[in-house]
Amino acid sequence: MKNQTTNTILMIEPVAFGFNTETAVNNYFQQKYTDNSIDIQQLALNEFNLMVETFRAKGINVIVVKDTEQPYTPDSIFPNNWISFHEGGQAVLYPMFAQNRRNERRKDILELIEAQGKVINNVDDFTFWEEQNQFLEGTGSMVLDRENKIAYAALSERTDKSVFLQFCLVFGYKPVYFSAFQLVGEQLLPIYHTNVMMSVADKYALVCINSLEDDKELEMLFDSLEKSGKEVIPISRHQMHCFAGNMLQVQNKQEERFLIMSQTAYDSLQEHQIELLKSYNELIIIPIPTIERIGGGSVRCMIAEIF
């Protein structure tokens, strides 16, 4: 059976973290700081380092690669959008919506991972889709049920149906796709990444059910999750905006499982949700307010799982 969780993760240490204007056009979670005296990079680095230290203290293997100052990549802290790793030494490179995010793809990172004893037998390159303005941003665009070989995707500018179906065909995943929306002002607009509205763990899944407007798509999503043995834990739109959907289950070297979430996400949860999640695994809670506010992503976005 395939494993849903891993004990080894890749994280990219930021050197020039900041507000990315190219991604802000459809990532409505991003917010600018108006106080120019704030050192955003230093705040983000402090949050990043605390996160790495916390994981290592729990016995999770973290491979840290430092970003480079050139080319300018303000979102490099979110590597799961440009690469994913799979059992059998498989890796995938993905087509990215923002021009400046394409510079995050670095071959030397693959070499550094192999130097850590991880085998990469093959790299599937999907980046040619960028020439057709069609995108699929890794495990941001897709939430993978690796055990049951099911891929979930909320279609958007960054999650193209054709590219998604091609990934599923190549890697043998059953595709489950739908439309998911968030309220921006008085408008319902597509959610930029699936992994902000749902998360799949070994025995449960968190889902913002209010983000789906189509009853048939919601029924299809629930049916798929329940048939694959997942307990569905609903989260509200407010909780989704607090990144309660952007969680990730990992394990340590002793195969103890943990659910990683931000402090913002944890604070949004109700007591019964917290107790239910604790019944499945220990919670790791990380405060990353700067990264969430400026980058528009949370803890799951900062992690590329290595299988």
Foldseek 3Di string as FASTA:
>chain_A
DFAQFALEWEFEQEDAAFFDPQVVVALVLADHDPDPVDPLSVLQNVLVVVVVVLSVVQQRHYDYHYDDPPPPANQLLQVQQQKAAGPPQEMEGWAFQGPSNVVSDDPVVVVVVVVVVAHHDYYHYPNVCVVVQATERHCQQWAAPRVQQAIEGADDSHHHPVSVVVVCVVVVHHYQYAHFFAQDPNDTHTNNGPQLAKHDDDQAMEGQLVRGPDPVSSVVVVVVCVVSRYHYDYDHSVLSSLSLSNWYWHAHPVRAIEIEDEPSNVVRDDPVVVVVVVVVHHYDYGHNVSCCHRVVHTDNSSIHGHD
